[in-house]
PDB file of N, CA and C in Angstrom:
ATOM      1  N   UNK A   1     105.591 -33.127-142.059  1.00  0.00           N
ATOM      2  CA  UNK A   1     104.166 -33.020-142.545  1.00  0.00           C
ATOM      3  C   UNK A   1     104.382 -33.016-144.132  1.00  0.00           C
ATOM      4  N   UNK A   2     103.325 -33.684-144.810  1.00  0.00           N
ATOM      5  CA  UNK A   2     103.372 -33.732-146.227  1.00  0.00           C
ATOM      6  C   UNK A   2     102.917 -32.366-146.798  1.00  0.00           C
ATOM      7  N   UNK A   3     103.378 -32.110-148.009  1.00  0.00           N
ATOM      8  CA  UNK A   3     102.981 -30.894-148.662  1.00  0.00           C
ATOM      9  C   UNK A   3     102.455 -31.189-150.138  1.00  0.00           C
ATOM     10  N   UNK A   4     101.512 -30.319-150.525  1.00  0.00           N
ATOM     11  CA  UNK A   4     100.937 -30.448-151.869  1.00  0.00           C
ATOM     12  C   UNK A   4     101.517 -29.279-152.651  1.00  0.00           C
ATOM     13  N   UNK A   5     102.155 -29.580-153.896  1.00  0.00           N
ATOM     14  CA  UNK A   5     102.734 -28.477-154.675  1.00  0.00           C
ATOM     15  C   UNK A   5     101.731 -28.041-155.748  1.00  0.00           C
ATOM     16  N   UNK A   6     102.186 -27.084-156.525  1.00  0.00           N
ATOM     17  CA  UNK A   6     101.288 -26.451-157.518  1.00  0.00           C
ATOM     18  C   UNK A   6     100.836 -27.345-158.710  1.00  0.00           C
ATOM     19  N   UNK A   7     101.498 -28.536-158.759  1.00  0.00           N
ATOM     20  CA  UNK A   7     101.075 -29.432-159.792  1.00  0.00           C
ATOM     21  C   UNK A   7      99.723 -30.190-159.539  1.00  0.00           C
ATOM     22  N   UNK A   8      99.196 -29.885-158.344  1.00  0.00           N
ATOM     23  CA  UNK A   8      97.894 -30.417-157.981  1.00  0.00           C
ATOM     24  C   UNK A   8      96.781 -30.168-158.994  1.00  0.00           C
ATOM     25  N   UNK A   9      96.060 -31.186-159.344  1.00  0.00           N
ATOM     26  CA  UNK A   9      94.938 -30.996-160.400  1.00  0.00           C
ATOM     27  C   UNK A   9      93.567 -31.024-159.770  1.00  0.00           C
ATOM     28  N   UNK A  10      93.473 -30.954-158.435  1.00  0.00           N
ATOM     29  CA  UNK A  10      92.296 -30.806-157.641  1.00  0.00           C
ATOM     30  C   UNK A  10      91.360 -31.995-157.907  1.00  0.00           C
ATOM     31  N   UNK A  11      91.893 -33.209-158.040  1.00  0.00           N
ATOM     32  CA  UNK A  11      91.087 -34.435-158.233  1.00  0.00           C
ATOM     33  C   UNK A  11      90.368 -34.867-157.012  1.00  0.00           C
ATOM     34  N   UNK A  12      90.933 -34.595-155.856  1.00  0.00           N
ATOM     35  CA  UNK A  12      90.329 -35.010-154.616  1.00  0.00           C
ATOM     36  C   UNK A  12      90.656 -36.359-154.092  1.00  0.00           C
ATOM     37  N   UNK A  13      91.512 -37.118-154.822  1.00  0.00           N
ATOM     38  CA  UNK A  13      91.915 -38.372-154.411  1.00  0.00           C
ATOM     39  C   UNK A  13      92.590 -38.443-152.979  1.00  0.00           C
ATOM     40  N   UNK A  14      93.315 -37.417-152.815  1.00  0.00           N
ATOM     41  CA  UNK A  14      94.119 -37.364-151.499  1.00  0.00           C
ATOM     42  C   UNK A  14      93.170 -37.117-150.373  1.00  0.00           C
ATOM     43  N   UNK A  15      92.236 -36.253-150.462  1.00  0.00           N
ATOM     44  CA  UNK A  15      91.286 -35.878-149.424  1.00  0.00           C
ATOM     45  C   UNK A  15      90.502 -37.020-148.962  1.00  0.00           C
ATOM     46  N   UNK A  16      90.079 -37.868-149.886  1.00  0.00           N
ATOM     47  CA  UNK A  16      89.244 -39.081-149.651  1.00  0.00           C
ATOM     48  C   UNK A  16      90.009 -40.117-148.977  1.00  0.00           C
ATOM     49  N   UNK A  17      91.271 -40.148-149.130  1.00  0.00           N
ATOM     50  CA  UNK A  17      92.191 -41.057-148.540  1.00  0.00           C
ATOM     51  C   UNK A  17      92.702 -40.777-147.137  1.00  0.00           C
ATOM     52  N   UNK A  18      92.706 -39.580-146.771  1.00  0.00           N
ATOM     53  CA  UNK A  18      93.374 -39.052-145.486  1.00  0.00           C
ATOM     54  C   UNK A  18      92.634 -39.619-144.289  1.00  0.00           C
ATOM     55  N   UNK A  19      93.202 -40.329-143.409  1.00  0.00           N
ATOM     56  CA  UNK A  19      92.539 -41.029-142.269  1.00  0.00           C
ATOM     57  C   UNK A  19      92.114 -39.941-141.173  1.00  0.00           C
ATOM     58  N   UNK A  20      92.780 -38.805-141.191  1.00  0.00           N
ATOM     59  CA  UNK A  20      92.549 -37.754-140.223  1.00  0.00           C
ATOM     60  C   UNK A  20      91.903 -36.487-140.794  1.00  0.00           C
ATOM     61  N   UNK A  21      91.390 -36.566-142.031  1.00  0.00           N
ATOM     62  CA  UNK A  21      90.781 -35.422-142.667  1.00  0.00           C
ATOM     63  C   UNK A  21      91.543 -34.132-142.542  1.00  0.00           C
ATOM     64  N   UNK A  22      92.873 -34.286-142.865  1.00  0.00           N
ATOM     65  CA  UNK A  22      93.775 -33.103-142.778  1.00  0.00           C
ATOM     66  C   UNK A  22      93.921 -32.344-144.163  1.00  0.00           C
ATOM     67  N   UNK A  23      93.117 -32.831-145.084  1.00  0.00           N
ATOM     68  CA  UNK A  23      93.352 -32.283-146.406  1.00  0.00           C
ATOM     69  C   UNK A  23      92.017 -31.584-146.863  1.00  0.00           C
ATOM     70  N   UNK A  24      92.139 -30.290-147.299  1.00  0.00           N
ATOM     71  CA  UNK A  24      90.901 -29.590-147.692  1.00  0.00           C
ATOM     72  C   UNK A  24      91.180 -28.933-149.100  1.00  0.00           C
ATOM     73  N   UNK A  25      90.093 -28.655-149.758  1.00  0.00           N
ATOM     74  CA  UNK A  25      90.113 -28.001-151.109  1.00  0.00           C
ATOM     75  C   UNK A  25      90.387 -26.523-150.961  1.00  0.00           C
ATOM     76  N   UNK A  26      91.424 -26.022-151.678  1.00  0.00           N
ATOM     77  CA  UNK A  26      91.656 -24.551-151.584  1.00  0.00           C
ATOM     78  C   UNK A  26      91.308 -23.985-152.954  1.00  0.00           C
ATOM     79  N   UNK A  27      91.519 -22.694-153.140  1.00  0.00           N
ATOM     80  CA  UNK A  27      91.153 -21.977-154.435  1.00  0.00           C
ATOM     81  C   UNK A  27      91.818 -22.687-155.616  1.00  0.00           C
ATOM     82  N   UNK A  28      93.078 -22.881-155.567  1.00  0.00           N
ATOM     83  CA  UNK A  28      93.871 -23.457-156.662  1.00  0.00           C
ATOM     84  C   UNK A  28      94.263 -24.729-156.586  1.00  0.00           C
ATOM     85  N   UNK A  29      94.451 -25.347-155.320  1.00  0.00           N
ATOM     86  CA  UNK A  29      94.839 -26.723-155.125  1.00  0.00           C
ATOM     87  C   UNK A  29      94.364 -27.227-153.657  1.00  0.00           C
ATOM     88  N   UNK A  30      94.473 -28.497-153.489  1.00  0.00           N
ATOM     89  CA  UNK A  30      94.225 -28.944-152.105  1.00  0.00           C
ATOM     90  C   UNK A  30      95.373 -28.652-151.186  1.00  0.00           C
ATOM     91  N   UNK A  31      95.066 -28.548-149.883  1.00  0.00           N
ATOM     92  CA  UNK A  31      95.998 -28.051-148.876  1.00  0.00           C
ATOM     93  C   UNK A  31      95.949 -29.115-147.737  1.00  0.00           C
ATOM     94  N   UNK A  32      97.187 -29.272-147.131  1.00  0.00           N
ATOM     95  CA  UNK A  32      97.339 -30.213-145.958  1.00  0.00           C
ATOM     96  C   UNK A  32      97.484 -29.399-144.647  1.00  0.00           C
ATOM     97  N   UNK A  33      96.621 -29.607-143.718  1.00  0.00           N
ATOM     98  CA  UNK A  33      96.812 -28.800-142.439  1.00  0.00           C
ATOM     99  C   UNK A  33      97.628 -29.462-141.372  1.00  0.00           C
ATOM    100  N   UNK A  34      97.706 -28.736-140.236  1.00  0.00           N
ATOM    101  CA  UNK A  34      98.611 -29.206-139.169  1.00  0.00           C
ATOM    102  C   UNK A  34      98.194 -30.570-138.522  1.00  0.00           C
ATOM    103  N   UNK A  35      97.055 -31.046-138.825  1.00  0.00           N
ATOM    104  CA  UNK A  35      96.615 -32.395-138.348  1.00  0.00           C
ATOM    105  C   UNK A  35      97.238 -33.531-139.018  1.00  0.00           C
ATOM    106  N   UNK A  36      98.069 -33.337-140.038  1.00  0.00           N
ATOM    107  CA  UNK A  36      98.728 -34.360-140.810  1.00  0.00           C
ATOM    108  C   UNK A  36      99.519 -35.306-139.915  1.00  0.00           C
ATOM    109  N   UNK A  37      99.382 -36.609-140.000  1.00  0.00           N
ATOM    110  CA  UNK A  37     100.038 -37.535-139.209  1.00  0.00           C
ATOM    111  C   UNK A  37     101.225 -38.222-139.947  1.00  0.00           C
ATOM    112  N   UNK A  38     101.602 -37.666-141.077  1.00  0.00           N
ATOM    113  CA  UNK A  38     102.695 -38.175-141.925  1.00  0.00           C
ATOM    114  C   UNK A  38     102.624 -39.611-142.356  1.00  0.00           C
ATOM    115  N   UNK A  39     101.335 -40.070-142.592  1.00  0.00           N
ATOM    116  CA  UNK A  39     101.242 -41.474-142.868  1.00  0.00           C
ATOM    117  C   UNK A  39     101.566 -41.724-144.389  1.00  0.00           C
ATOM    118  N   UNK A  40     101.453 -40.805-145.271  1.00  0.00           N
ATOM    119  CA  UNK A  40     101.807 -40.936-146.636  1.00  0.00           C
ATOM    120  C   UNK A  40     100.733 -41.490-147.536  1.00  0.00           C
ATOM    121  N   UNK A  41      99.547 -41.786-147.040  1.00  0.00           N
ATOM    122  CA  UNK A  41      98.523 -42.329-147.800  1.00  0.00           C
ATOM    123  C   UNK A  41      98.024 -41.407-148.990  1.00  0.00           C
ATOM    124  N   UNK A  42      98.095 -40.123-148.688  1.00  0.00           N
ATOM    125  CA  UNK A  42      97.780 -39.202-149.756  1.00  0.00           C
ATOM    126  C   UNK A  42      98.752 -39.155-150.934  1.00  0.00           C
ATOM    127  N   UNK A  43     100.080 -39.176-150.646  1.00  0.00           N
ATOM    128  CA  UNK A  43     101.123 -39.277-151.642  1.00  0.00           C
ATOM    129  C   UNK A  43     100.875 -40.537-152.539  1.00  0.00           C
ATOM    130  N   UNK A  44     100.532 -41.678-151.958  1.00  0.00           N
ATOM    131  CA  UNK A  44     100.390 -42.818-152.757  1.00  0.00           C
ATOM    132  C   UNK A  44      99.295 -42.937-153.691  1.00  0.00           C
ATOM    133  N   UNK A  45      98.251 -42.061-153.486  1.00  0.00           N
ATOM    134  CA  UNK A  45      97.159 -42.033-154.513  1.00  0.00           C
ATOM    135  C   UNK A  45      97.161 -40.882-155.403  1.00  0.00           C
ATOM    136  N   UNK A  46      98.039 -39.997-155.270  1.00  0.00           N
ATOM    137  CA  UNK A  46      98.092 -38.731-156.116  1.00  0.00           C
ATOM    138  C   UNK A  46      98.530 -39.112-157.517  1.00  0.00           C
ATOM    139  N   UNK A  47      97.596 -38.893-158.635  1.00  0.00           N
ATOM    140  CA  UNK A  47      97.925 -39.364-159.934  1.00  0.00           C
ATOM    141  C   UNK A  47      98.999 -38.452-160.615  1.00  0.00           C
ATOM    142  N   UNK A  48      99.392 -37.342-160.079  1.00  0.00           N
ATOM    143  CA  UNK A  48     100.354 -36.549-160.676  1.00  0.00           C
ATOM    144  C   UNK A  48     101.600 -36.304-159.870  1.00  0.00           C
ATOM    145  N   UNK A  49     101.702 -36.973-158.731  1.00  0.00           N
ATOM    146  CA  UNK A  49     102.818 -36.859-157.888  1.00  0.00           C
ATOM    147  C   UNK A  49     103.071 -35.568-157.289  1.00  0.00           C
ATOM    148  N   UNK A  50     101.973 -34.798-156.952  1.00  0.00           N
ATOM    149  CA  UNK A  50     102.076 -33.468-156.426  1.00  0.00           C
ATOM    150  C   UNK A  50     102.244 -33.383-154.847  1.00  0.00           C
ATOM    151  N   UNK A  51     102.292 -34.558-154.217  1.00  0.00           N
ATOM    152  CA  UNK A  51     102.451 -34.628-152.777  1.00  0.00           C
ATOM    153  C   UNK A  51     103.701 -35.223-152.409  1.00  0.00           C
ATOM    154  N   UNK A  52     104.501 -34.597-151.519  1.00  0.00           N
ATOM    155  CA  UNK A  52     105.739 -35.053-151.024  1.00  0.00           C
ATOM    156  C   UNK A  52     105.888 -34.747-149.485  1.00  0.00           C
ATOM    157  N   UNK A  53     106.821 -35.476-148.869  1.00  0.00           N
ATOM    158  CA  UNK A  53     107.121 -35.151-147.442  1.00  0.00           C
ATOM    159  C   UNK A  53     107.691 -33.730-147.270  1.00  0.00           C
ATOM    160  N   UNK A  54     107.283 -33.014-146.437  1.00  0.00           N
ATOM    161  CA  UNK A  54     107.769 -31.682-146.140  1.00  0.00           C
ATOM    162  C   UNK A  54     108.951 -31.752-145.207  1.00  0.00           C
ATOM    163  N   UNK A  55     109.434 -30.540-144.863  1.00  0.00           N
ATOM    164  CA  UNK A  55     110.634 -30.496-144.069  1.00  0.00           C
ATOM    165  C   UNK A  55     110.243 -30.272-142.672  1.00  0.00           C
TER     166      UNK A  55
END
């Protein structure tokens, strides 16, 4: 599952790209939930590189 780190600038690009709506806005950054299908579309649109594959 992909993870969003603290470099997130809350631009929302990732949330609008997610095909399964697994990304939601949190207090300080966006978060990816357990519905993530590991497609990577969010990481490819993040302007600051704050999204990476998790372990």
